Amino acid sequence: MLITAAIIDDDKDTVQVFAEHLELLGVKVVSIGHDGKQAVEIYKKYRPDVLFLDLVMPEYDGIYGLKEIRAIDPQAKVIIITADLTAKNEDDLDKLKPTKIIFKPFDVKKLKTLLDKMIKTDHLAINPVDNAKKALVSFTVTQTLLQMSSSTANEVGSRLYAKYNCYFSDCLEHPEYLKDILQEIFGNGSTAVIKTIKERLAAYEDQEPISNFLVILEQ
């Protein structure tokens, strides 16, 4: 996947349809939410490459979410989605400077053009990962866990998917997810598991993106 995204909209049907549009465009939707407060929590947890944020929502709206996210990360890519703009909302958005404003109903072609432009100009795309290296890391992680027990491998795999919608094959691109789950399960003992993974990848540790994978895993 080139881009990770989160979608925040109080209309659950809209979220579902929009998520399907993004997946068809090759975007990995890592989380969804339904108000501005959830938007902030999701951004803190997942740090998606782009967050699509509905403007009008009850209680905690898009202005609230954008303001709080800007305080966390002024460079965050936040795209406001809305059916209409009031003069008040325009003033607020002008101050908070969303990355882009797109209007409902969604135009898939325009959305694709926007995402393509972001990849080219904002460098959001993750460098293409060689499939052989993805497979190598996935195999190494799986074998390390299977050596402990099949139930351990299943538990790590289940939690990766439940928490991050991520598989072992995604670990090269998202070592932070694997690290989090290992710490969640093993606590301080995760250090030994990570050490074993590193030892098994030692012959490749000077090659990108495996070197980046190992650096983040050990941080």
N, C-alpha and C. Protein backbone atom coordinates (compact mmCIF):
# COMPACT_ATOMS: atom_id res chain seq x y z
N MET A 1 0.84 -1.19 0.00
CA MET A 1 0.00 0.00 0.00
C MET A 1 0.89 1.26 0.00
N LEU A 2 0.50 2.23 -0.83
CA LEU A 2 1.31 3.43 -0.91
C LEU A 2 1.00 4.41 0.22
N ILE A 3 -0.26 4.55 0.56
CA ILE A 3 -0.65 5.54 1.55
C ILE A 3 -1.55 4.89 2.60
N THR A 4 -1.36 5.28 3.86
CA THR A 4 -2.29 4.87 4.92
C THR A 4 -3.21 6.04 5.20
N ALA A 5 -4.46 5.72 5.52
CA ALA A 5 -5.45 6.78 5.73
C ALA A 5 -6.39 6.42 6.87
N ALA A 6 -6.96 7.44 7.47
CA ALA A 6 -8.04 7.28 8.44
C ALA A 6 -9.20 8.14 7.97
N ILE A 7 -10.42 7.70 8.27
CA ILE A 7 -11.63 8.42 7.84
C ILE A 7 -12.48 8.73 9.06
N ILE A 8 -12.87 9.99 9.18
CA ILE A 8 -13.72 10.42 10.29
C ILE A 8 -14.99 11.05 9.73
N ASP A 9 -16.12 10.44 10.02
CA ASP A 9 -17.41 10.97 9.54
C ASP A 9 -18.50 10.37 10.42
N ASP A 10 -19.48 11.19 10.83
CA ASP A 10 -20.52 10.67 11.71
C ASP A 10 -21.54 9.82 10.96
N ASP A 11 -21.51 9.87 9.64
CA ASP A 11 -22.40 9.03 8.83
C ASP A 11 -21.67 7.72 8.53
N LYS A 12 -22.08 6.65 9.19
CA LYS A 12 -21.37 5.37 9.07
C LYS A 12 -21.45 4.80 7.65
N ASP A 13 -22.56 5.04 6.96
CA ASP A 13 -22.67 4.58 5.58
C ASP A 13 -21.67 5.29 4.68
N THR A 14 -21.50 6.59 4.91
CA THR A 14 -20.54 7.37 4.14
C THR A 14 -19.12 6.85 4.37
N VAL A 15 -18.81 6.56 5.62
CA VAL A 15 -17.49 6.03 5.96
C VAL A 15 -17.23 4.73 5.21
N GLN A 16 -18.22 3.85 5.21
CA GLN A 16 -18.05 2.54 4.56
C GLN A 16 -17.80 2.70 3.06
N VAL A 17 -18.62 3.52 2.42
CA VAL A 17 -18.48 3.72 0.98
C VAL A 17 -17.14 4.38 0.66
N PHE A 18 -16.77 5.38 1.43
CA PHE A 18 -15.52 6.10 1.19
C PHE A 18 -14.32 5.19 1.41
N ALA A 19 -14.39 4.36 2.43
CA ALA A 19 -13.31 3.41 2.70
C ALA A 19 -13.13 2.46 1.53
N GLU A 20 -14.24 2.01 0.95
CA GLU A 20 -14.18 1.11 -0.21
C GLU A 20 -13.55 1.82 -1.40
N HIS A 21 -13.89 3.10 -1.59
CA HIS A 21 -13.29 3.89 -2.67
C HIS A 21 -11.77 3.94 -2.50
N LEU A 22 -11.34 4.25 -1.29
CA LEU A 22 -9.90 4.39 -1.03
C LEU A 22 -9.16 3.07 -1.23
N GLU A 23 -9.76 1.99 -0.75
CA GLU A 23 -9.12 0.68 -0.91
C GLU A 23 -8.96 0.34 -2.39
N LEU A 24 -9.96 0.68 -3.20
CA LEU A 24 -9.88 0.43 -4.63
C LEU A 24 -8.76 1.25 -5.28
N LEU A 25 -8.44 2.38 -4.68
CA LEU A 25 -7.38 3.24 -5.20
C LEU A 25 -6.01 2.85 -4.63
N GLY A 26 -5.97 1.77 -3.84
CA GLY A 26 -4.69 1.30 -3.31
C GLY A 26 -4.29 1.95 -2.01
N VAL A 27 -5.22 2.60 -1.32
CA VAL A 27 -4.95 3.24 -0.04
C VAL A 27 -5.36 2.30 1.09
N LYS A 28 -4.51 2.16 2.08
CA LYS A 28 -4.83 1.28 3.21
C LYS A 28 -5.51 2.09 4.31
N VAL A 29 -6.78 1.80 4.56
CA VAL A 29 -7.53 2.49 5.62
C VAL A 29 -7.21 1.81 6.95
N VAL A 30 -6.49 2.51 7.82
CA VAL A 30 -6.04 1.90 9.07
C VAL A 30 -7.03 2.08 10.21
N SER A 31 -7.92 3.08 10.09
CA SER A 31 -8.90 3.28 11.17
C SER A 31 -10.02 4.20 10.70
N ILE A 32 -11.17 4.09 11.37
CA ILE A 32 -12.28 5.00 11.11
C ILE A 32 -12.81 5.53 12.44
N GLY A 33 -13.43 6.70 12.39
CA GLY A 33 -14.02 7.29 13.59
C GLY A 33 -15.23 8.10 13.20
N HIS A 34 -15.92 8.63 14.23
CA HIS A 34 -17.20 9.28 13.94
C HIS A 34 -17.37 10.65 14.58
N ASP A 35 -16.30 11.21 15.17
CA ASP A 35 -16.37 12.60 15.63
C ASP A 35 -14.95 13.15 15.76
N GLY A 36 -14.86 14.46 16.01
CA GLY A 36 -13.57 15.12 16.06
C GLY A 36 -12.66 14.61 17.17
N LYS A 37 -13.25 14.21 18.28
CA LYS A 37 -12.44 13.69 19.38
C LYS A 37 -11.78 12.38 18.99
N GLN A 38 -12.55 11.50 18.34
CA GLN A 38 -11.98 10.24 17.86
C GLN A 38 -10.90 10.50 16.81
N ALA A 39 -11.08 11.55 16.02
CA ALA A 39 -10.08 11.89 15.01
C ALA A 39 -8.72 12.14 15.66
N VAL A 40 -8.73 12.85 16.77
CA VAL A 40 -7.49 13.16 17.48
C VAL A 40 -6.86 11.88 18.04
N GLU A 41 -7.69 11.05 18.65
CA GLU A 41 -7.19 9.80 19.24
C GLU A 41 -6.62 8.89 18.16
N ILE A 42 -7.31 8.81 17.03
CA ILE A 42 -6.85 7.96 15.93
C ILE A 42 -5.55 8.49 15.35
N TYR A 43 -5.46 9.81 15.21
CA TYR A 43 -4.22 10.37 14.66
C TYR A 43 -3.04 10.08 15.59
N LYS A 44 -3.23 10.24 16.87
CA LYS A 44 -2.16 9.94 17.83
C LYS A 44 -1.71 8.49 17.75
N LYS A 45 -2.67 7.60 17.60
CA LYS A 45 -2.38 6.16 17.64
C LYS A 45 -1.77 5.65 16.34
N TYR A 46 -2.33 6.07 15.19
CA TYR A 46 -1.92 5.47 13.92
C TYR A 46 -1.01 6.35 13.07
N ARG A 47 -1.03 7.65 13.28
CA ARG A 47 -0.27 8.58 12.45
C ARG A 47 -0.42 8.25 10.96
N PRO A 48 -1.64 8.23 10.47
CA PRO A 48 -1.84 7.91 9.05
C PRO A 48 -1.19 8.98 8.16
N ASP A 49 -0.86 8.57 6.94
CA ASP A 49 -0.29 9.54 6.00
C ASP A 49 -1.27 10.66 5.71
N VAL A 50 -2.55 10.33 5.69
CA VAL A 50 -3.57 11.35 5.46
C VAL A 50 -4.82 10.99 6.26
N LEU A 51 -5.44 12.01 6.81
CA LEU A 51 -6.67 11.81 7.57
C LEU A 51 -7.79 12.60 6.90
N PHE A 52 -8.86 11.88 6.53
CA PHE A 52 -10.03 12.52 5.92
C PHE A 52 -11.02 12.83 7.04
N LEU A 53 -11.34 14.11 7.18
CA LEU A 53 -12.09 14.58 8.34
C LEU A 53 -13.36 15.32 7.93
N ASP A 54 -14.49 14.78 8.31
CA ASP A 54 -15.77 15.44 8.03
C ASP A 54 -15.83 16.75 8.81
N LEU A 55 -16.42 17.75 8.22
CA LEU A 55 -16.46 19.06 8.86
C LEU A 55 -17.59 19.16 9.88
N VAL A 56 -18.79 18.75 9.51
CA VAL A 56 -19.96 18.93 10.37
C VAL A 56 -20.31 17.62 11.06
N MET A 57 -20.07 17.58 12.36
CA MET A 57 -20.40 16.43 13.19
C MET A 57 -20.89 16.94 14.54
N PRO A 58 -21.79 16.21 15.20
CA PRO A 58 -22.31 16.67 16.49
C PRO A 58 -21.23 16.65 17.58
N GLU A 59 -21.32 17.58 18.49
CA GLU A 59 -20.45 17.69 19.67
C GLU A 59 -19.01 18.03 19.30
N TYR A 60 -18.25 17.07 18.82
CA TYR A 60 -16.86 17.34 18.43
C TYR A 60 -16.79 17.34 16.90
N ASP A 61 -16.71 18.52 16.30
CA ASP A 61 -16.77 18.60 14.85
C ASP A 61 -15.37 18.57 14.22
N GLY A 62 -15.34 18.79 12.91
CA GLY A 62 -14.07 18.75 12.20
C GLY A 62 -13.14 19.88 12.58
N ILE A 63 -13.70 21.04 12.92
CA ILE A 63 -12.86 22.17 13.35
C ILE A 63 -12.11 21.80 14.62
N TYR A 64 -12.83 21.19 15.57
CA TYR A 64 -12.19 20.74 16.82
C TYR A 64 -11.07 19.75 16.50
N GLY A 65 -11.38 18.75 15.66
CA GLY A 65 -10.39 17.72 15.34
C GLY A 65 -9.17 18.30 14.66
N LEU A 66 -9.38 19.16 13.68
CA LEU A 66 -8.26 19.75 12.95
C LEU A 66 -7.39 20.62 13.86
N LYS A 67 -8.03 21.40 14.72
CA LYS A 67 -7.29 22.26 15.64
C LYS A 67 -6.39 21.44 16.57
N GLU A 68 -6.93 20.36 17.13
CA GLU A 68 -6.16 19.52 18.05
C GLU A 68 -5.04 18.77 17.32
N ILE A 69 -5.31 18.30 16.12
CA ILE A 69 -4.28 17.60 15.35
C ILE A 69 -3.17 18.56 14.94
N ARG A 70 -3.53 19.76 14.56
CA ARG A 70 -2.52 20.76 14.23
C ARG A 70 -1.60 21.04 15.42
N ALA A 71 -2.15 21.00 16.63
CA ALA A 71 -1.34 21.22 17.83
C ALA A 71 -0.35 20.08 18.04
N ILE A 72 -0.76 18.86 17.64
CA ILE A 72 0.11 17.69 17.77
C ILE A 72 1.16 17.68 16.67
N ASP A 73 0.72 17.95 15.44
CA ASP A 73 1.61 17.88 14.28
C ASP A 73 1.19 18.92 13.25
N PRO A 74 1.88 20.06 13.21
CA PRO A 74 1.51 21.12 12.27
C PRO A 74 1.60 20.68 10.81
N GLN A 75 2.36 19.62 10.54
CA GLN A 75 2.54 19.16 9.16
C GLN A 75 1.57 18.03 8.78
N ALA A 76 0.68 17.67 9.67
CA ALA A 76 -0.24 16.56 9.40
C ALA A 76 -1.06 16.83 8.14
N LYS A 77 -1.23 15.79 7.35
CA LYS A 77 -2.04 15.90 6.13
C LYS A 77 -3.50 15.59 6.50
N VAL A 78 -4.30 16.65 6.57
CA VAL A 78 -5.71 16.52 6.94
C VAL A 78 -6.57 17.09 5.82
N ILE A 79 -7.40 16.25 5.25
CA ILE A 79 -8.29 16.68 4.17
C ILE A 79 -9.71 16.77 4.72
N ILE A 80 -10.26 17.95 4.66
CA ILE A 80 -11.62 18.18 5.14
C ILE A 80 -12.61 17.73 4.08
N ILE A 81 -13.63 16.98 4.52
CA ILE A 81 -14.70 16.57 3.60
C ILE A 81 -16.01 17.19 4.09
N THR A 82 -16.76 17.75 3.18
CA THR A 82 -17.98 18.44 3.57
C THR A 82 -18.96 18.54 2.40
N ALA A 83 -20.22 18.72 2.72
CA ALA A 83 -21.24 18.93 1.69
C ALA A 83 -21.43 20.42 1.41
N ASP A 84 -21.01 21.26 2.37
CA ASP A 84 -21.24 22.70 2.23
C ASP A 84 -20.32 23.44 3.19
N LEU A 85 -20.07 24.71 2.91
CA LEU A 85 -19.24 25.54 3.78
C LEU A 85 -20.00 26.81 4.15
N THR A 86 -20.04 27.12 5.45
CA THR A 86 -20.59 28.39 5.90
C THR A 86 -19.44 29.40 5.96
N ALA A 87 -19.79 30.66 6.04
CA ALA A 87 -18.77 31.71 6.13
C ALA A 87 -17.92 31.52 7.39
N LYS A 88 -18.57 31.12 8.50
CA LYS A 88 -17.86 30.90 9.76
C LYS A 88 -16.85 29.76 9.61
N ASN A 89 -17.30 28.66 8.99
CA ASN A 89 -16.40 27.53 8.79
C ASN A 89 -15.24 27.88 7.88
N GLU A 90 -15.51 28.68 6.86
CA GLU A 90 -14.44 29.10 5.95
C GLU A 90 -13.39 29.89 6.70
N ASP A 91 -13.82 30.78 7.60
CA ASP A 91 -12.86 31.57 8.38
C ASP A 91 -12.02 30.68 9.28
N ASP A 92 -12.68 29.73 9.95
CA ASP A 92 -11.96 28.82 10.85
C ASP A 92 -10.95 27.97 10.08
N LEU A 93 -11.38 27.46 8.94
CA LEU A 93 -10.49 26.62 8.14
C LEU A 93 -9.33 27.41 7.57
N ASP A 94 -9.59 28.65 7.23
CA ASP A 94 -8.52 29.50 6.71
C ASP A 94 -7.39 29.65 7.72
N LYS A 95 -7.75 29.71 9.00
CA LYS A 95 -6.75 29.83 10.05
C LYS A 95 -6.01 28.51 10.30
N LEU A 96 -6.73 27.40 10.19
CA LEU A 96 -6.15 26.09 10.51
C LEU A 96 -5.49 25.42 9.31
N LYS A 97 -5.80 25.91 8.14
CA LYS A 97 -5.15 25.47 6.90
C LYS A 97 -5.13 23.95 6.70
N PRO A 98 -6.30 23.37 6.40
CA PRO A 98 -6.32 21.95 6.05
C PRO A 98 -5.52 21.72 4.77
N THR A 99 -5.08 20.52 4.56
CA THR A 99 -4.31 20.20 3.36
C THR A 99 -5.14 20.42 2.10
N LYS A 100 -6.41 20.07 2.19
CA LYS A 100 -7.32 20.21 1.05
C LYS A 100 -8.74 20.13 1.57
N ILE A 101 -9.67 20.69 0.82
CA ILE A 101 -11.10 20.54 1.12
C ILE A 101 -11.74 19.87 -0.09
N ILE A 102 -12.45 18.75 0.16
CA ILE A 102 -13.17 18.10 -0.93
C ILE A 102 -14.65 18.03 -0.57
N PHE A 103 -15.49 18.06 -1.58
CA PHE A 103 -16.93 18.15 -1.34
C PHE A 103 -17.63 16.82 -1.66
N LYS A 104 -18.64 16.54 -0.84
CA LYS A 104 -19.52 15.40 -1.10
C LYS A 104 -20.52 15.79 -2.17
N PRO A 105 -21.03 14.85 -2.98
CA PRO A 105 -20.63 13.44 -3.04
C PRO A 105 -19.26 13.28 -3.66
N PHE A 106 -18.56 12.20 -3.32
CA PHE A 106 -17.19 12.01 -3.75
C PHE A 106 -17.12 11.64 -5.23
N ASP A 107 -16.14 12.23 -5.90
CA ASP A 107 -15.83 11.90 -7.28
C ASP A 107 -14.55 11.08 -7.26
N VAL A 108 -14.66 9.79 -7.60
CA VAL A 108 -13.52 8.88 -7.50
C VAL A 108 -12.35 9.34 -8.36
N LYS A 109 -12.64 9.85 -9.56
CA LYS A 109 -11.56 10.29 -10.45
C LYS A 109 -10.81 11.48 -9.84
N LYS A 110 -11.56 12.42 -9.27
CA LYS A 110 -10.93 13.59 -8.65
C LYS A 110 -10.14 13.17 -7.41
N LEU A 111 -10.68 12.20 -6.69
CA LEU A 111 -10.00 11.71 -5.49
C LEU A 111 -8.67 11.06 -5.88
N LYS A 112 -8.68 10.27 -6.93
CA LYS A 112 -7.45 9.63 -7.40
C LYS A 112 -6.43 10.67 -7.83
N THR A 113 -6.89 11.70 -8.53
CA THR A 113 -5.98 12.77 -8.97
C THR A 113 -5.35 13.46 -7.76
N LEU A 114 -6.15 13.70 -6.72
CA LEU A 114 -5.66 14.34 -5.51
C LEU A 114 -4.60 13.47 -4.83
N LEU A 115 -4.88 12.18 -4.70
CA LEU A 115 -3.93 11.28 -4.03
C LEU A 115 -2.65 11.14 -4.85
N ASP A 116 -2.77 11.06 -6.16
CA ASP A 116 -1.58 10.97 -7.01
C ASP A 116 -0.72 12.22 -6.85
N LYS A 117 -1.38 13.37 -6.76
CA LYS A 117 -0.65 14.62 -6.60
C LYS A 117 0.07 14.65 -5.26
N MET A 118 -0.58 14.16 -4.21
CA MET A 118 0.03 14.14 -2.88
C MET A 118 1.25 13.23 -2.86
N ILE A 119 1.16 12.10 -3.57
CA ILE A 119 2.30 11.18 -3.64
C ILE A 119 3.49 11.87 -4.28
N LYS A 120 3.23 12.61 -5.35
CA LYS A 120 4.31 13.23 -6.11
C LYS A 120 4.89 14.46 -5.41
N THR A 121 4.01 15.29 -4.84
CA THR A 121 4.48 16.57 -4.30
C THR A 121 4.77 16.56 -2.81
N ASP A 122 4.07 15.69 -2.05
CA ASP A 122 4.27 15.67 -0.61
C ASP A 122 5.08 14.48 -0.13
N HIS A 123 5.52 13.63 -1.08
CA HIS A 123 6.38 12.49 -0.75
C HIS A 123 5.74 11.58 0.29
N LEU A 124 4.45 11.33 0.13
CA LEU A 124 3.78 10.45 1.08
C LEU A 124 4.02 8.98 0.78
N ALA A 125 4.34 8.68 -0.45
CA ALA A 125 4.45 7.27 -0.81
C ALA A 125 5.62 6.60 -0.10
N ILE A 126 5.38 5.41 0.41
CA ILE A 126 6.46 4.62 0.96
C ILE A 126 7.24 4.07 -0.23
N ASN A 127 8.56 4.06 -0.14
CA ASN A 127 9.34 3.52 -1.24
C ASN A 127 8.88 2.11 -1.57
N PRO A 128 8.72 1.79 -2.85
CA PRO A 128 8.28 0.45 -3.22
C PRO A 128 9.15 -0.61 -2.56
N VAL A 129 8.52 -1.56 -1.95
CA VAL A 129 9.24 -2.58 -1.21
C VAL A 129 9.39 -3.82 -2.08
N ASP A 130 10.61 -4.30 -2.20
CA ASP A 130 10.86 -5.50 -2.96
C ASP A 130 10.11 -6.66 -2.31
N ASN A 131 9.34 -7.37 -3.12
CA ASN A 131 8.52 -8.45 -2.59
C ASN A 131 9.34 -9.53 -1.91
N ALA A 132 10.53 -9.75 -2.42
CA ALA A 132 11.39 -10.78 -1.83
C ALA A 132 11.78 -10.39 -0.40
N LYS A 133 12.02 -9.10 -0.17
CA LYS A 133 12.40 -8.65 1.18
C LYS A 133 11.19 -8.68 2.12
N LYS A 134 10.02 -8.36 1.58
CA LYS A 134 8.81 -8.47 2.39
C LYS A 134 8.62 -9.92 2.84
N ALA A 135 8.81 -10.83 1.87
CA ALA A 135 8.65 -12.24 2.18
C ALA A 135 9.70 -12.72 3.18
N LEU A 136 10.93 -12.21 3.03
CA LEU A 136 12.01 -12.60 3.94
C LEU A 136 11.71 -12.19 5.37
N VAL A 137 11.27 -10.94 5.54
CA VAL A 137 10.96 -10.45 6.89
C VAL A 137 9.76 -11.20 7.45
N SER A 138 8.72 -11.38 6.65
CA SER A 138 7.54 -12.11 7.09
C SER A 138 7.90 -13.52 7.54
N PHE A 139 8.73 -14.21 6.74
CA PHE A 139 9.15 -15.58 7.05
C PHE A 139 9.97 -15.60 8.34
N THR A 140 10.89 -14.63 8.47
CA THR A 140 11.77 -14.59 9.65
C THR A 140 10.98 -14.35 10.93
N VAL A 141 10.07 -13.41 10.89
CA VAL A 141 9.25 -13.11 12.06
C VAL A 141 8.39 -14.31 12.42
N THR A 142 7.75 -14.89 11.42
CA THR A 142 6.88 -16.05 11.65
C THR A 142 7.65 -17.23 12.24
N GLN A 143 8.82 -17.53 11.65
CA GLN A 143 9.61 -18.66 12.12
C GLN A 143 10.13 -18.43 13.54
N THR A 144 10.50 -17.19 13.86
CA THR A 144 10.95 -16.87 15.22
C THR A 144 9.85 -17.15 16.23
N LEU A 145 8.63 -16.76 15.89
CA LEU A 145 7.50 -16.97 16.80
C LEU A 145 7.08 -18.44 16.85
N LEU A 146 7.12 -19.10 15.71
CA LEU A 146 6.76 -20.52 15.68
C LEU A 146 7.74 -21.36 16.50
N GLN A 147 9.00 -20.92 16.55
CA GLN A 147 9.99 -21.64 17.34
C GLN A 147 9.63 -21.59 18.82
N MET A 148 8.95 -20.52 19.20
CA MET A 148 8.48 -20.40 20.59
C MET A 148 7.27 -21.31 20.79
N SER A 149 6.27 -21.17 19.90
CA SER A 149 5.10 -22.06 19.88
C SER A 149 4.15 -21.57 18.79
N SER A 150 3.36 -22.48 18.27
CA SER A 150 2.39 -22.09 17.24
C SER A 150 1.34 -21.15 17.81
N SER A 151 1.00 -21.33 19.09
CA SER A 151 0.00 -20.45 19.71
C SER A 151 0.54 -19.02 19.84
N THR A 152 1.86 -18.90 20.07
CA THR A 152 2.47 -17.56 20.15
C THR A 152 2.38 -16.87 18.80
N ALA A 153 2.72 -17.59 17.74
CA ALA A 153 2.64 -17.01 16.39
C ALA A 153 1.20 -16.61 16.06
N ASN A 154 0.26 -17.44 16.43
CA ASN A 154 -1.15 -17.14 16.16
C ASN A 154 -1.61 -15.92 16.96
N GLU A 155 -1.15 -15.81 18.20
CA GLU A 155 -1.55 -14.68 19.05
C GLU A 155 -1.02 -13.37 18.50
N VAL A 156 0.26 -13.36 18.12
CA VAL A 156 0.84 -12.14 17.55
C VAL A 156 0.13 -11.77 16.25
N GLY A 157 -0.10 -12.76 15.39
CA GLY A 157 -0.79 -12.50 14.13
C GLY A 157 -2.20 -11.97 14.34
N SER A 158 -2.92 -12.55 15.30
CA SER A 158 -4.29 -12.13 15.58
C SER A 158 -4.33 -10.70 16.09
N ARG A 159 -3.40 -10.37 16.99
CA ARG A 159 -3.39 -9.01 17.55
C ARG A 159 -2.95 -7.97 16.51
N LEU A 160 -2.03 -8.34 15.65
CA LEU A 160 -1.62 -7.42 14.58
C LEU A 160 -2.82 -7.05 13.72
N TYR A 161 -3.63 -8.05 13.38
CA TYR A 161 -4.76 -7.79 12.52
C TYR A 161 -5.87 -7.03 13.27
N ALA A 162 -6.13 -7.44 14.52
CA ALA A 162 -7.21 -6.82 15.29
C ALA A 162 -6.91 -5.35 15.58
N LYS A 163 -5.66 -5.04 15.88
CA LYS A 163 -5.31 -3.68 16.29
C LYS A 163 -4.94 -2.78 15.12
N TYR A 164 -4.27 -3.34 14.10
CA TYR A 164 -3.75 -2.51 13.01
C TYR A 164 -4.20 -2.95 11.61
N ASN A 165 -5.05 -3.98 11.54
CA ASN A 165 -5.45 -4.49 10.23
C ASN A 165 -4.22 -4.85 9.41
N CYS A 166 -3.27 -5.48 10.07
CA CYS A 166 -1.94 -5.72 9.51
C CYS A 166 -1.61 -7.21 9.58
N TYR A 167 -0.92 -7.70 8.56
CA TYR A 167 -0.47 -9.09 8.52
C TYR A 167 1.05 -9.13 8.69
N PHE A 168 1.60 -10.34 8.85
CA PHE A 168 3.06 -10.46 8.95
C PHE A 168 3.73 -9.90 7.69
N SER A 169 3.06 -10.03 6.56
CA SER A 169 3.63 -9.53 5.31
C SER A 169 3.71 -8.01 5.26
N ASP A 170 3.02 -7.33 6.19
CA ASP A 170 3.07 -5.86 6.25
C ASP A 170 4.14 -5.36 7.21
N CYS A 171 4.79 -6.26 7.93
CA CYS A 171 5.69 -5.84 9.01
C CYS A 171 6.91 -5.07 8.52
N LEU A 172 7.40 -5.38 7.32
CA LEU A 172 8.56 -4.65 6.81
C LEU A 172 8.23 -3.18 6.66
N GLU A 173 7.02 -2.89 6.23
CA GLU A 173 6.60 -1.50 6.05
C GLU A 173 6.17 -0.85 7.37
N HIS A 174 5.76 -1.66 8.34
CA HIS A 174 5.27 -1.12 9.61
C HIS A 174 5.88 -1.86 10.80
N PRO A 175 7.19 -1.73 10.99
CA PRO A 175 7.83 -2.40 12.13
C PRO A 175 7.31 -1.91 13.48
N GLU A 176 6.81 -0.66 13.51
CA GLU A 176 6.28 -0.12 14.77
C GLU A 176 5.07 -0.91 15.25
N TYR A 177 4.28 -1.45 14.31
CA TYR A 177 3.12 -2.26 14.69
C TYR A 177 3.58 -3.56 15.35
N LEU A 178 4.56 -4.20 14.71
CA LEU A 178 5.08 -5.46 15.26
C LEU A 178 5.70 -5.23 16.63
N LYS A 179 6.47 -4.17 16.76
CA LYS A 179 7.12 -3.86 18.04
C LYS A 179 6.08 -3.66 19.13
N ASP A 180 5.03 -2.93 18.82
CA ASP A 180 3.97 -2.66 19.80
C ASP A 180 3.32 -3.95 20.27
N ILE A 181 3.01 -4.84 19.34
CA ILE A 181 2.34 -6.09 19.71
C ILE A 181 3.28 -6.99 20.51
N LEU A 182 4.54 -7.04 20.13
CA LEU A 182 5.51 -7.86 20.88
C LEU A 182 5.65 -7.34 22.32
N GLN A 183 5.70 -6.02 22.48
CA GLN A 183 5.79 -5.45 23.83
C GLN A 183 4.51 -5.70 24.61
N GLU A 184 3.40 -5.66 23.92
CA GLU A 184 2.09 -5.88 24.55
C GLU A 184 2.00 -7.31 25.10
N ILE A 185 2.54 -8.26 24.37
CA ILE A 185 2.46 -9.66 24.77
C ILE A 185 3.59 -10.07 25.72
N PHE A 186 4.83 -9.66 25.38
CA PHE A 186 5.99 -10.16 26.13
C PHE A 186 6.57 -9.18 27.14
N GLY A 187 6.14 -7.92 27.10
CA GLY A 187 6.72 -6.93 28.01
C GLY A 187 8.21 -6.79 27.75
N ASN A 188 9.02 -6.78 28.81
CA ASN A 188 10.46 -6.65 28.66
C ASN A 188 11.07 -7.82 27.88
N GLY A 189 10.35 -8.95 27.88
CA GLY A 189 10.84 -10.11 27.15
C GLY A 189 10.83 -9.92 25.65
N SER A 190 10.17 -8.86 25.17
CA SER A 190 10.15 -8.61 23.73
C SER A 190 11.54 -8.32 23.19
N THR A 191 12.43 -7.83 24.06
CA THR A 191 13.81 -7.52 23.64
C THR A 191 14.50 -8.78 23.10
N ALA A 192 14.28 -9.90 23.77
CA ALA A 192 14.91 -11.15 23.34
C ALA A 192 14.34 -11.61 22.00
N VAL A 193 13.04 -11.44 21.81
CA VAL A 193 12.42 -11.83 20.55
C VAL A 193 12.97 -10.97 19.41
N ILE A 194 13.05 -9.66 19.65
CA ILE A 194 13.58 -8.74 18.64
C ILE A 194 15.04 -9.06 18.33
N LYS A 195 15.81 -9.41 19.35
CA LYS A 195 17.22 -9.77 19.15
C LYS A 195 17.34 -10.98 18.23
N THR A 196 16.47 -11.98 18.42
CA THR A 196 16.50 -13.17 17.58
C THR A 196 16.16 -12.83 16.14
N ILE A 197 15.14 -11.98 15.96
CA ILE A 197 14.78 -11.56 14.60
C ILE A 197 15.95 -10.86 13.93
N LYS A 198 16.62 -9.99 14.69
CA LYS A 198 17.77 -9.26 14.13
C LYS A 198 18.89 -10.21 13.74
N GLU A 199 19.18 -11.16 14.60
CA GLU A 199 20.26 -12.12 14.31
C GLU A 199 19.97 -12.90 13.03
N ARG A 200 18.71 -13.23 12.83
CA ARG A 200 18.34 -14.00 11.64
C ARG A 200 18.34 -13.15 10.37
N LEU A 201 18.30 -11.85 10.55
CA LEU A 201 18.34 -10.94 9.40
C LEU A 201 19.70 -10.25 9.27
N ALA A 202 20.67 -10.72 10.05
CA ALA A 202 21.99 -10.07 10.11
C ALA A 202 22.64 -9.92 8.74
N ALA A 203 22.47 -10.90 7.89
CA ALA A 203 23.11 -10.86 6.57
C ALA A 203 22.53 -9.77 5.67
N TYR A 204 21.36 -9.23 6.08
CA TYR A 204 20.68 -8.24 5.24
C TYR A 204 20.55 -6.88 5.94
N GLU A 205 21.15 -6.73 7.12
CA GLU A 205 20.89 -5.53 7.92
C GLU A 205 21.46 -4.25 7.34
N ASP A 206 22.31 -4.36 6.31
CA ASP A 206 22.83 -3.14 5.68
C ASP A 206 22.04 -2.78 4.42
N GLN A 207 20.96 -3.53 4.15
CA GLN A 207 20.16 -3.29 2.95
C GLN A 207 18.85 -2.61 3.32
N GLU A 208 18.54 -1.53 2.62
CA GLU A 208 17.22 -0.92 2.80
C GLU A 208 16.19 -1.73 2.01
N PRO A 209 14.95 -1.86 2.51
CA PRO A 209 14.39 -1.24 3.71
C PRO A 209 14.56 -2.10 4.97
N ILE A 210 15.31 -3.20 4.88
CA ILE A 210 15.47 -4.06 6.05
C ILE A 210 16.22 -3.33 7.16
N SER A 211 17.21 -2.51 6.79
CA SER A 211 17.95 -1.75 7.81
C SER A 211 17.01 -0.82 8.55
N ASN A 212 16.08 -0.18 7.84
CA ASN A 212 15.11 0.71 8.49
C ASN A 212 14.18 -0.07 9.41
N PHE A 213 13.77 -1.25 8.95
CA PHE A 213 12.92 -2.12 9.73
C PHE A 213 13.58 -2.45 11.08
N LEU A 214 14.85 -2.81 11.03
CA LEU A 214 15.56 -3.20 12.25
C LEU A 214 15.79 -2.02 13.18
N VAL A 215 16.08 -0.87 12.61
CA VAL A 215 16.30 0.33 13.44
C VAL A 215 15.05 0.66 14.24
N ILE A 216 13.89 0.69 13.57
CA ILE A 216 12.64 1.03 14.25
C ILE A 216 12.26 -0.05 15.26
N LEU A 217 12.49 -1.30 14.89
CA LEU A 217 12.14 -2.41 15.77
C LEU A 217 12.92 -2.35 17.08
N GLU A 218 14.17 -1.84 17.02
CA GLU A 218 15.02 -1.83 18.20
C GLU A 218 14.94 -0.55 19.01
N GLN A 219 14.27 0.45 18.49
CA GLN A 219 14.21 1.74 19.20
C GLN A 219 13.52 1.61 20.55
